[in-house]
Amino acid sequence: MKHKFLILAVLPAVFLLAAVRCGTVTAVTPLRRGESALAISVGGPVADVAGTNIPLPYAVARYRYGLNDQAGIYVGGHLLAAGFGLAGIDFGFSYHFLQQQGWVPTVGAIAGITALIQPGGGEALFPQLDLVASYRLGDRFTTYFGSQSVYQFQYRPNVVLAPFVGGGFKVSDPFSLNLEAKWYAPTEKTHPRNVNYSLPIAEHGAVGFVLGANWLFGGNHE
């Protein structure tokens, strides 16, 4: 039992920098009422893995549902956490309070919780808040920027930020791809860390990249 709680104490410290607000931004733009979306993303901070500098392969799958044309809910599963014997899930709510008009972007907030659960052991809960602004450029391209944040209270109070910039490309009506660049934990020293992060900025945090794929289905488009 002591070993199980040790895992929960150590892994969050790694995940907070390696995968703060794991995956791509949950809701860059709102879904329509009754519309659903399935998203799969992989990536993270660039680190030295077996002598090669690559983004950490943190994989996340999420489902979103549009409550109306501004608000939605989501639930996700963290696939890498399962490799450590943890059940990693997140869930929450998104709301877009501005729509794009000229130079005014679409602006939204996403609030949720990530839970890391050790079967038969304990759990660690991390509240999260994201802010995102986006511009649609024609019928196929979207560019966006903002910041993600995760809050840790169980072991020592801490807030980890991840400013980001990204772009999306609509391949077809139901399918799109997006790529994000993030600066993970810009207020924290890069070294010493359990993981050798390769792209710090001024010896703080770690730059990383996340690739995502999205499928839209259902919805009331009347």
Protein backbone atom coordinates (compact mmCIF):
# COMPACT_ATOMS: atom_id res chain seq x y z
CA MET A 1 0.00 0.00 0.00
CA LYS A 2 2.85 2.39 0.86
CA HIS A 3 4.38 1.73 -2.59
CA LYS A 4 1.10 2.60 -4.30
CA PHE A 5 0.88 5.95 -2.55
CA LEU A 6 4.54 6.62 -3.41
CA ILE A 7 3.70 6.21 -7.11
CA LEU A 8 0.90 8.76 -6.78
CA ALA A 9 3.26 11.15 -4.98
CA VAL A 10 6.03 10.95 -7.58
CA LEU A 11 4.19 10.64 -10.89
CA PRO A 12 2.16 13.86 -10.56
CA ALA A 13 5.41 15.78 -10.11
CA VAL A 14 6.59 14.33 -13.43
CA PHE A 15 3.25 14.76 -15.22
CA LEU A 16 2.83 18.37 -14.11
CA LEU A 17 5.75 19.38 -16.33
CA ALA A 18 5.71 16.51 -18.84
CA ALA A 19 2.01 16.78 -19.66
CA VAL A 20 0.32 19.77 -18.02
CA ARG A 21 -3.14 19.97 -19.54
CA CYS A 22 -2.27 16.84 -21.49
CA GLY A 23 -3.02 16.63 -25.18
CA THR A 24 -4.20 19.42 -27.42
CA VAL A 25 -6.52 22.16 -26.17
CA THR A 26 -9.86 20.54 -25.39
CA ALA A 27 -12.16 23.09 -27.05
CA VAL A 28 -10.55 25.60 -29.43
CA THR A 29 -13.95 26.47 -30.92
CA PRO A 30 -17.45 25.53 -29.71
CA LEU A 31 -19.45 22.61 -31.01
CA ARG A 32 -23.00 23.15 -32.21
CA ARG A 33 -25.95 21.99 -30.13
CA GLY A 34 -26.09 18.18 -30.09
CA GLU A 35 -22.82 17.82 -32.03
CA SER A 36 -20.13 15.39 -30.83
CA ALA A 37 -16.39 15.21 -31.39
CA LEU A 38 -13.77 12.54 -30.82
CA ALA A 39 -10.16 13.73 -30.51
CA ILE A 40 -6.91 11.80 -30.21
CA SER A 41 -3.63 13.60 -29.55
CA VAL A 42 -0.03 12.69 -28.80
CA GLY A 43 2.99 14.74 -27.80
CA GLY A 44 4.60 16.70 -24.99
CA PRO A 45 7.82 18.47 -24.03
CA VAL A 46 10.87 17.69 -26.16
CA ALA A 47 13.16 15.44 -24.12
CA ASP A 48 16.14 13.14 -24.51
CA VAL A 49 14.65 9.68 -25.05
CA ALA A 50 17.25 6.96 -25.64
CA GLY A 51 19.67 9.54 -27.01
CA THR A 52 17.15 11.18 -29.36
CA ASN A 53 15.41 14.52 -28.77
CA ILE A 54 11.69 13.94 -29.41
CA PRO A 55 8.41 15.14 -27.92
CA LEU A 56 7.33 12.83 -25.11
CA PRO A 57 4.62 10.51 -26.51
CA TYR A 58 1.87 11.39 -24.03
CA ALA A 59 -1.37 10.17 -25.65
CA VAL A 60 -4.89 11.30 -24.77
CA ALA A 61 -8.32 10.43 -26.20
CA ARG A 62 -11.31 12.73 -25.54
CA TYR A 63 -15.01 12.92 -26.31
CA ARG A 64 -16.87 16.27 -26.46
CA TYR A 65 -20.58 17.06 -26.66
CA GLY A 66 -22.20 20.40 -27.49
CA LEU A 67 -24.90 21.42 -25.00
CA ASN A 68 -25.66 24.46 -27.13
CA ASP A 69 -23.74 26.63 -29.61
CA GLN A 70 -21.57 28.09 -26.82
CA ALA A 71 -21.27 25.47 -24.06
CA GLY A 72 -20.08 21.87 -24.04
CA ILE A 73 -18.86 19.04 -21.84
CA TYR A 74 -16.00 16.59 -22.30
CA VAL A 75 -14.42 13.42 -20.87
CA GLY A 76 -11.02 11.96 -21.68
CA GLY A 77 -8.69 9.06 -21.01
CA HIS A 78 -4.91 9.32 -20.53
CA LEU A 79 -3.29 6.41 -22.32
CA LEU A 80 0.30 6.85 -21.11
CA ALA A 81 -0.80 6.85 -17.47
CA ALA A 82 -2.18 3.34 -18.01
CA GLY A 83 1.36 2.20 -18.79
CA PHE A 84 2.33 3.16 -15.22
CA GLY A 85 -0.59 1.22 -13.75
CA LEU A 86 -2.70 4.35 -13.25
CA ALA A 87 -6.18 5.14 -14.48
CA GLY A 88 -5.96 8.68 -15.85
CA ILE A 89 -9.20 10.47 -16.73
CA ASP A 90 -10.31 14.07 -17.15
CA PHE A 91 -13.71 15.72 -17.47
CA GLY A 92 -15.07 19.24 -17.51
CA PHE A 93 -16.99 22.06 -19.15
CA SER A 94 -16.24 24.58 -21.89
CA TYR A 95 -17.89 27.92 -22.65
CA HIS A 96 -17.14 30.34 -25.50
CA PHE A 97 -18.27 33.85 -24.57
CA LEU A 98 -17.06 35.74 -27.66
CA GLN A 99 -17.53 34.90 -31.33
CA GLN A 100 -15.16 36.07 -34.05
CA GLN A 101 -16.06 39.46 -35.51
CA GLY A 102 -13.39 41.15 -37.57
CA TRP A 103 -10.25 41.42 -35.40
CA VAL A 104 -12.13 40.18 -32.33
CA PRO A 105 -11.37 36.45 -31.96
CA THR A 106 -13.53 33.62 -30.70
CA VAL A 107 -12.68 33.39 -26.98
CA GLY A 108 -13.47 30.55 -24.59
CA ALA A 109 -12.61 28.99 -21.24
CA ILE A 110 -12.33 25.32 -20.33
CA ALA A 111 -12.57 24.22 -16.69
CA GLY A 112 -12.10 20.64 -15.53
CA ILE A 113 -10.37 18.08 -13.35
CA THR A 114 -7.79 15.42 -14.13
CA ALA A 115 -7.77 12.35 -11.86
CA LEU A 116 -4.89 9.87 -11.56
CA ILE A 117 -6.14 6.76 -9.78
CA GLN A 118 -4.06 3.85 -8.52
CA PRO A 119 -6.31 0.73 -8.51
CA GLY A 120 -6.56 -0.48 -4.93
CA GLY A 121 -4.58 2.54 -3.73
CA GLY A 122 -5.16 6.28 -3.74
CA GLU A 123 -5.86 9.07 -6.17
CA ALA A 124 -4.57 12.52 -7.12
CA LEU A 125 -6.90 15.26 -8.40
CA PHE A 126 -5.77 18.28 -10.41
CA PRO A 127 -8.19 21.18 -11.17
CA GLN A 128 -7.45 22.82 -14.51
CA LEU A 129 -8.37 26.02 -16.34
CA ASP A 130 -7.63 26.95 -19.96
CA LEU A 131 -8.17 30.20 -21.88
CA VAL A 132 -8.09 30.13 -25.69
CA ALA A 133 -8.61 32.67 -28.47
CA SER A 134 -8.94 31.62 -32.10
CA TYR A 135 -9.33 33.02 -35.61
CA ARG A 136 -10.88 31.11 -38.49
CA LEU A 137 -9.01 31.87 -41.72
CA GLY A 138 -11.22 30.87 -44.62
CA ASP A 139 -13.01 27.53 -44.74
CA ARG A 140 -10.14 25.25 -43.75
CA PHE A 141 -7.63 27.00 -41.47
CA THR A 142 -7.86 28.03 -37.81
CA THR A 143 -5.12 29.64 -35.74
CA TYR A 144 -5.28 29.92 -31.97
CA PHE A 145 -3.33 30.86 -28.85
CA GLY A 146 -3.78 31.02 -25.10
CA SER A 147 -2.63 29.41 -21.88
CA GLN A 148 -3.37 26.24 -19.95
CA SER A 149 -3.00 25.80 -16.21
CA VAL A 150 -3.15 22.97 -13.71
CA TYR A 151 -3.39 23.29 -9.92
CA GLN A 152 -1.88 20.92 -7.39
CA PHE A 153 -3.05 21.00 -3.76
CA GLN A 154 -2.53 17.47 -2.41
CA TYR A 155 1.26 17.37 -1.96
CA ARG A 156 2.35 20.99 -2.11
CA PRO A 157 0.36 23.95 -3.46
CA ASN A 158 1.51 24.68 -6.99
CA VAL A 159 0.27 26.17 -10.26
CA VAL A 160 1.81 25.08 -13.56
CA LEU A 161 1.19 27.10 -16.72
CA ALA A 162 1.58 26.21 -20.39
CA PRO A 163 1.23 29.08 -22.90
CA PHE A 164 0.57 27.76 -26.40
CA VAL A 165 0.05 28.64 -30.04
CA GLY A 166 -1.52 26.30 -32.55
CA GLY A 167 -3.07 25.81 -35.94
CA GLY A 168 -5.83 23.59 -37.30
CA PHE A 169 -6.52 22.32 -40.81
CA LYS A 170 -9.89 20.95 -41.93
CA VAL A 171 -9.12 17.94 -44.13
CA SER A 172 -12.80 17.17 -44.79
CA ASP A 173 -16.19 18.00 -43.25
CA PRO A 174 -15.83 15.55 -40.33
CA PHE A 175 -12.02 15.34 -40.03
CA SER A 176 -9.36 17.86 -39.03
CA LEU A 177 -5.78 17.97 -37.79
CA ASN A 178 -4.10 20.42 -35.46
CA LEU A 179 -0.58 21.07 -34.20
CA GLU A 180 0.36 22.98 -31.05
CA ALA A 181 3.61 24.38 -29.71
CA LYS A 182 3.70 24.86 -25.93
CA TRP A 183 6.03 26.29 -23.33
CA TYR A 184 5.48 23.97 -20.39
CA ALA A 185 6.02 25.41 -16.89
CA PRO A 186 7.69 28.72 -17.89
CA THR A 187 8.00 29.80 -14.24
CA GLU A 188 9.94 26.69 -13.16
CA LYS A 189 13.63 25.84 -13.52
CA THR A 190 14.26 23.17 -16.15
CA HIS A 191 16.98 21.39 -14.17
CA PRO A 192 17.30 19.31 -12.11
CA ARG A 193 14.39 17.11 -13.29
CA ASN A 194 13.68 13.41 -13.47
CA VAL A 195 13.37 13.87 -17.24
CA ASN A 196 16.07 15.59 -19.35
CA TYR A 197 14.05 18.25 -21.19
CA SER A 198 15.91 19.42 -24.30
CA LEU A 199 14.29 22.75 -25.26
CA PRO A 200 14.08 25.13 -22.29
CA ILE A 201 13.74 28.90 -22.71
CA ALA A 202 16.21 30.81 -20.53
CA GLU A 203 16.64 27.60 -18.48
CA HIS A 204 12.95 27.58 -17.57
CA GLY A 205 10.31 25.02 -18.46
CA ALA A 206 10.36 23.04 -21.69
CA VAL A 207 9.13 23.64 -25.22
CA GLY A 208 7.03 20.85 -26.69
CA PHE A 209 4.72 19.90 -29.52
CA VAL A 210 1.39 18.07 -29.66
CA LEU A 211 -0.35 16.66 -32.76
CA GLY A 212 -4.09 16.03 -32.72
CA ALA A 213 -6.78 14.47 -34.94
CA ASN A 214 -10.48 15.31 -34.59
CA TRP A 215 -13.69 13.74 -35.89
CA LEU A 216 -17.06 15.56 -35.76
CA PHE A 217 -20.38 13.73 -35.90
CA GLY A 218 -24.06 14.16 -35.05
CA GLY A 219 -25.62 17.48 -34.17
CA ASN A 220 -28.58 19.66 -35.02
CA HIS A 221 -27.57 22.07 -37.80
CA GLU A 222 -30.92 23.70 -38.35
